[in-house]
Amino acid sequence: VDDTLAAKAGIDRQDQHQIDCVEDRLHQTDRTGRVEGQAGPHAGAANGLQRPVQMRPGLALNPASPVSLVEPVLDAVDLVLIMSVNPGFGGQSFIDSQLRKIESVRKMIDQTGRDIILEVDGGVNRDTAPRAIAAGVTAIVAGSAVFRDGPDAYADNIAALRPS
């Protein structure tokens, strides 16, 4: 992000440095993928860097992040990730209040008419996955629920997460 663009967008030097670091990382890879960034005041600027390097831009909302952060960048993202735990370590319990956030974001996505992935990550297991899917997610991330009981149980654990 050059200084002129940064000034016009109201991006301060610290935020500009963070966006520049993301840009450098994106240009160092030749893989197509996506980067999810916690919603901040300049999420749109950071996401704008991903498309030129064939990345799929996304937005991640921590449990304390308000849904209002989604709307300003919804036309620029391909994925919205709702964290249903506070990031940091596996095995945490699903925060039920995030189901309302999922429902709200699902409505916003549906209003755009775009095929935006709505993903949930954290505390997803055989009990919480169906509730998250009913609330509107199209993708789930599960760690502990998949890997518990060792490799022989992986297939059954994954099957238990799928809608019936």
C-alpha atoms as a PDB file:
ATOM      1  CA  VAL A   1       0.000   0.000   0.000  1.00  0.00           C
ATOM      2  CA  ASP A   2       1.639   3.231  -1.068  1.00  0.00           C
ATOM      3  CA  ASP A   3       1.590   6.385   1.061  1.00  0.00           C
ATOM      4  CA  THR A   4      -0.936   8.178  -1.159  1.00  0.00           C
ATOM      5  CA  LEU A   5      -3.455   5.328  -1.051  1.00  0.00           C
ATOM      6  CA  ALA A   6      -2.866   4.909   2.671  1.00  0.00           C
ATOM      7  CA  ALA A   7      -3.562   8.589   3.337  1.00  0.00           C
ATOM      8  CA  LYS A   8      -6.756   8.542   1.237  1.00  0.00           C
ATOM      9  CA  ALA A   9      -8.006   5.430   3.038  1.00  0.00           C
ATOM     10  CA  GLY A  10      -7.132   6.844   6.457  1.00  0.00           C
ATOM     11  CA  ILE A  11      -4.620   4.067   7.114  1.00  0.00           C
ATOM     12  CA  ASP A  12      -2.062   4.979   9.750  1.00  0.00           C
ATOM     13  CA  ARG A  13       1.591   3.919   9.538  1.00  0.00           C
ATOM     14  CA  GLN A  14       1.211   0.893  11.856  1.00  0.00           C
ATOM     15  CA  ASP A  15      -1.762  -0.460   9.905  1.00  0.00           C
ATOM     16  CA  GLN A  16       0.039   0.252   6.635  1.00  0.00           C
ATOM     17  CA  HIS A  17       3.027  -1.792   7.832  1.00  0.00           C
ATOM     18  CA  GLN A  18       0.738  -4.720   8.703  1.00  0.00           C
ATOM     19  CA  ILE A  19      -0.925  -4.580   5.266  1.00  0.00           C
ATOM     20  CA  ASP A  20       2.478  -4.363   3.559  1.00  0.00           C
ATOM     21  CA  CYS A  21       3.592  -7.491   5.451  1.00  0.00           C
ATOM     22  CA  VAL A  22       0.492  -9.335   4.237  1.00  0.00           C
ATOM     23  CA  GLU A  23       1.171  -8.142   0.688  1.00  0.00           C
ATOM     24  CA  ASP A  24       4.782  -9.373   0.859  1.00  0.00           C
ATOM     25  CA  ARG A  25       3.658 -12.810   2.109  1.00  0.00           C
ATOM     26  CA  LEU A  26       1.032 -13.108  -0.620  1.00  0.00           C
ATOM     27  CA  HIS A  27       3.518 -12.306  -3.375  1.00  0.00           C
ATOM     28  CA  GLN A  28       5.950 -14.934  -2.049  1.00  0.00           C
ATOM     29  CA  THR A  29       3.550 -17.800  -2.679  1.00  0.00           C
ATOM     30  CA  ASP A  30       2.483 -19.360  -5.957  1.00  0.00           C
ATOM     31  CA  ARG A  31      -0.398 -21.313  -4.437  1.00  0.00           C
ATOM     32  CA  THR A  32      -4.002 -20.366  -4.787  1.00  0.00           C
ATOM     33  CA  GLY A  33      -5.651 -20.195  -1.406  1.00  0.00           C
ATOM     34  CA  ARG A  34      -7.282 -17.746   0.900  1.00  0.00           C
ATOM     35  CA  VAL A  35      -6.237 -15.584   3.762  1.00  0.00           C
ATOM     36  CA  GLU A  36      -8.638 -14.812   6.568  1.00  0.00           C
ATOM     37  CA  GLY A  37      -7.929 -11.681   8.545  1.00  0.00           C
ATOM     38  CA  GLN A  38      -9.592 -10.538  11.727  1.00  0.00           C
ATOM     39  CA  ALA A  39     -11.907  -7.688  10.845  1.00  0.00           C
ATOM     40  CA  GLY A  40     -10.275  -4.362  11.435  1.00  0.00           C
ATOM     41  CA  PRO A  41     -10.749  -0.843  10.178  1.00  0.00           C
ATOM     42  CA  HIS A  42      -8.787  -1.611   7.015  1.00  0.00           C
ATOM     43  CA  ALA A  43      -9.850  -5.176   6.233  1.00  0.00           C
ATOM     44  CA  GLY A  44     -11.012  -4.080   2.787  1.00  0.00           C
ATOM     45  CA  ALA A  45      -7.575  -2.732   1.894  1.00  0.00           C
ATOM     46  CA  ALA A  46      -5.847  -5.927   2.990  1.00  0.00           C
ATOM     47  CA  ASN A  47      -8.373  -8.099   1.150  1.00  0.00           C
ATOM     48  CA  GLY A  48      -7.881  -6.064  -2.020  1.00  0.00           C
ATOM     49  CA  LEU A  49      -4.300  -7.320  -2.125  1.00  0.00           C
ATOM     50  CA  GLN A  50      -5.329 -10.967  -2.316  1.00  0.00           C
ATOM     51  CA  ARG A  51      -7.111 -11.083  -5.672  1.00  0.00           C
ATOM     52  CA  PRO A  52      -4.117  -9.895  -7.751  1.00  0.00           C
ATOM     53  CA  VAL A  53      -2.090 -12.830  -6.418  1.00  0.00           C
ATOM     54  CA  GLN A  54      -4.914 -15.359  -6.883  1.00  0.00           C
ATOM     55  CA  MET A  55      -5.855 -15.600  -3.243  1.00  0.00           C
ATOM     56  CA  ARG A  56      -9.462 -15.816  -2.045  1.00  0.00           C
ATOM     57  CA  PRO A  57     -10.037 -12.969   0.416  1.00  0.00           C
ATOM     58  CA  GLY A  58     -11.822 -13.702   3.640  1.00  0.00           C
ATOM     59  CA  LEU A  59     -12.796 -12.138   6.908  1.00  0.00           C
ATOM     60  CA  ALA A  60     -12.623 -13.748  10.353  1.00  0.00           C
ATOM     61  CA  LEU A  61     -14.734 -12.617  13.275  1.00  0.00           C
ATOM     62  CA  ASN A  62     -13.705 -13.509  16.805  1.00  0.00           C
ATOM     63  CA  PRO A  63     -16.527 -14.079  19.312  1.00  0.00           C
ATOM     64  CA  ALA A  64     -16.339 -10.479  20.570  1.00  0.00           C
ATOM     65  CA  SER A  65     -16.311  -8.959  17.061  1.00  0.00           C
ATOM     66  CA  PRO A  66     -19.614  -7.347  16.075  1.00  0.00           C
ATOM     67  CA  VAL A  67     -21.484  -8.489  12.980  1.00  0.00           C
ATOM     68  CA  SER A  68     -21.447  -4.880  11.763  1.00  0.00           C
ATOM     69  CA  LEU A  69     -17.830  -5.378  10.654  1.00  0.00           C
ATOM     70  CA  VAL A  70     -18.979  -7.735   7.887  1.00  0.00           C
ATOM     71  CA  GLU A  71     -21.237  -5.505   5.820  1.00  0.00           C
ATOM     72  CA  PRO A  72     -18.626  -2.934   4.649  1.00  0.00           C
ATOM     73  CA  VAL A  73     -16.417  -5.652   3.119  1.00  0.00           C
ATOM     74  CA  LEU A  74     -18.982  -8.271   2.095  1.00  0.00           C
ATOM     75  CA  ASP A  75     -18.723  -7.383  -1.582  1.00  0.00           C
ATOM     76  CA  ALA A  76     -14.947  -7.949  -1.461  1.00  0.00           C
ATOM     77  CA  VAL A  77     -14.739 -11.324   0.294  1.00  0.00           C
ATOM     78  CA  ASP A  78     -15.251 -14.932  -0.751  1.00  0.00           C
ATOM     79  CA  LEU A  79     -15.376 -16.296   2.792  1.00  0.00           C
ATOM     80  CA  VAL A  80     -16.578 -15.203   6.223  1.00  0.00           C
ATOM     81  CA  LEU A  81     -15.215 -17.226   9.137  1.00  0.00           C
ATOM     82  CA  ILE A  82     -17.042 -17.098  12.445  1.00  0.00           C
ATOM     83  CA  MET A  83     -14.796 -18.144  15.303  1.00  0.00           C
ATOM     84  CA  SER A  84     -16.984 -19.961  17.828  1.00  0.00           C
ATOM     85  CA  VAL A  85     -14.197 -20.032  20.413  1.00  0.00           C
ATOM     86  CA  ASN A  86     -11.518 -17.543  21.340  1.00  0.00           C
ATOM     87  CA  PRO A  87      -8.524 -18.450  19.155  1.00  0.00           C
ATOM     88  CA  GLY A  88      -5.527 -19.977  20.815  1.00  0.00           C
ATOM     89  CA  PHE A  89      -5.860 -23.678  21.533  1.00  0.00           C
ATOM     90  CA  GLY A  90      -7.942 -26.711  20.653  1.00  0.00           C
ATOM     91  CA  GLY A  91     -10.554 -28.459  22.723  1.00  0.00           C
ATOM     92  CA  GLN A  92     -12.535 -25.364  23.741  1.00  0.00           C
ATOM     93  CA  SER A  93     -16.312 -25.415  24.066  1.00  0.00           C
ATOM     94  CA  PHE A  94     -18.479 -23.899  21.336  1.00  0.00           C
ATOM     95  CA  ILE A  95     -19.792 -20.455  22.312  1.00  0.00           C
ATOM     96  CA  ASP A  96     -23.543 -20.722  21.671  1.00  0.00           C
ATOM     97  CA  SER A  97     -24.023 -16.991  21.112  1.00  0.00           C
ATOM     98  CA  GLN A  98     -22.118 -17.372  17.853  1.00  0.00           C
ATOM     99  CA  LEU A  99     -25.134 -19.167  16.353  1.00  0.00           C
ATOM    100  CA  ARG A 100     -26.978 -15.815  16.267  1.00  0.00           C
ATOM    101  CA  LYS A 101     -23.944 -14.250  14.593  1.00  0.00           C
ATOM    102  CA  ILE A 102     -23.951 -17.043  11.990  1.00  0.00           C
ATOM    103  CA  GLU A 103     -27.663 -16.461  11.323  1.00  0.00           C
ATOM    104  CA  SER A 104     -27.115 -12.715  10.889  1.00  0.00           C
ATOM    105  CA  VAL A 105     -24.163 -13.136   8.549  1.00  0.00           C
ATOM    106  CA  ARG A 106     -26.071 -15.798   6.554  1.00  0.00           C
ATOM    107  CA  LYS A 107     -28.866 -13.242   5.961  1.00  0.00           C
ATOM    108  CA  MET A 108     -26.330 -10.636   4.817  1.00  0.00           C
ATOM    109  CA  ILE A 109     -24.694 -13.118   2.447  1.00  0.00           C
ATOM    110  CA  ASP A 110     -28.039 -14.233   1.023  1.00  0.00           C
ATOM    111  CA  GLN A 111     -28.953 -10.617   0.293  1.00  0.00           C
ATOM    112  CA  THR A 112     -25.837 -10.223  -1.872  1.00  0.00           C
ATOM    113  CA  GLY A 113     -26.749 -13.135  -4.140  1.00  0.00           C
ATOM    114  CA  ARG A 114     -23.070 -14.133  -4.106  1.00  0.00           C
ATOM    115  CA  ASP A 115     -21.732 -17.585  -3.334  1.00  0.00           C
ATOM    116  CA  ILE A 116     -19.760 -16.612  -0.213  1.00  0.00           C
ATOM    117  CA  ILE A 117     -18.549 -19.421   2.035  1.00  0.00           C
ATOM    118  CA  LEU A 118     -19.749 -19.077   5.619  1.00  0.00           C
ATOM    119  CA  GLU A 119     -17.439 -21.100   7.827  1.00  0.00           C
ATOM    120  CA  VAL A 120     -17.359 -21.837  11.551  1.00  0.00           C
ATOM    121  CA  ASP A 121     -14.287 -22.833  13.535  1.00  0.00           C
ATOM    122  CA  GLY A 122     -14.005 -23.773  17.189  1.00  0.00           C
ATOM    123  CA  GLY A 123     -15.722 -26.270  19.435  1.00  0.00           C
ATOM    124  CA  VAL A 124     -17.324 -27.992  16.462  1.00  0.00           C
ATOM    125  CA  ASN A 125     -18.332 -31.552  17.300  1.00  0.00           C
ATOM    126  CA  ARG A 126     -21.161 -34.017  16.616  1.00  0.00           C
ATOM    127  CA  ASP A 127     -23.518 -31.931  18.803  1.00  0.00           C
ATOM    128  CA  THR A 128     -22.620 -28.427  17.619  1.00  0.00           C
ATOM    129  CA  ALA A 129     -22.058 -29.106  13.890  1.00  0.00           C
ATOM    130  CA  PRO A 130     -25.774 -29.689  13.110  1.00  0.00           C
ATOM    131  CA  ARG A 131     -26.721 -26.507  14.976  1.00  0.00           C
ATOM    132  CA  ALA A 132     -24.126 -24.466  13.078  1.00  0.00           C
ATOM    133  CA  ILE A 133     -25.284 -25.939   9.758  1.00  0.00           C
ATOM    134  CA  ALA A 134     -28.925 -25.166  10.641  1.00  0.00           C
ATOM    135  CA  ALA A 135     -27.851 -21.574  11.433  1.00  0.00           C
ATOM    136  CA  GLY A 136     -26.383 -21.242   7.940  1.00  0.00           C
ATOM    137  CA  VAL A 137     -22.743 -22.288   7.704  1.00  0.00           C
ATOM    138  CA  THR A 138     -21.590 -23.955   4.508  1.00  0.00           C
ATOM    139  CA  ALA A 139     -18.231 -25.136   5.860  1.00  0.00           C
ATOM    140  CA  ILE A 140     -16.992 -26.303   9.238  1.00  0.00           C
ATOM    141  CA  VAL A 141     -13.529 -26.609  10.720  1.00  0.00           C
ATOM    142  CA  ALA A 142     -13.110 -29.313  13.322  1.00  0.00           C
ATOM    143  CA  GLY A 143      -9.933 -30.383  15.028  1.00  0.00           C
ATOM    144  CA  SER A 144     -10.421 -32.156  18.333  1.00  0.00           C
ATOM    145  CA  ALA A 145     -13.691 -33.757  17.184  1.00  0.00           C
ATOM    146  CA  VAL A 146     -11.936 -35.330  14.187  1.00  0.00           C
ATOM    147  CA  PHE A 147      -8.690 -36.403  15.808  1.00  0.00           C
ATOM    148  CA  ARG A 148     -10.009 -37.847  19.065  1.00  0.00           C
ATOM    149  CA  ASP A 149      -9.650 -41.606  19.555  1.00  0.00           C
ATOM    150  CA  GLY A 150      -6.803 -41.932  17.033  1.00  0.00           C
ATOM    151  CA  PRO A 151      -6.464 -42.585  13.302  1.00  0.00           C
ATOM    152  CA  ASP A 152      -8.799 -45.570  13.229  1.00  0.00           C
ATOM    153  CA  ALA A 153     -11.665 -43.316  14.352  1.00  0.00           C
ATOM    154  CA  TYR A 154     -11.072 -40.401  11.930  1.00  0.00           C
ATOM    155  CA  ALA A 155     -13.547 -41.538   9.253  1.00  0.00           C
ATOM    156  CA  ASP A 156     -16.318 -42.174  11.792  1.00  0.00           C
ATOM    157  CA  ASN A 157     -15.597 -38.866  13.543  1.00  0.00           C
ATOM    158  CA  ILE A 158     -15.865 -36.973  10.248  1.00  0.00           C
ATOM    159  CA  ALA A 159     -19.054 -38.820   9.288  1.00  0.00           C
ATOM    160  CA  ALA A 160     -20.582 -37.803  12.630  1.00  0.00           C
ATOM    161  CA  LEU A 161     -20.098 -34.146  11.716  1.00  0.00           C
ATOM    162  CA  ARG A 162     -21.938 -34.356   8.408  1.00  0.00           C
ATOM    163  CA  PRO A 163     -25.638 -33.537   8.137  1.00  0.00           C
ATOM    164  CA  SER A 164     -27.866 -36.598   8.159  1.00  0.00           C
END
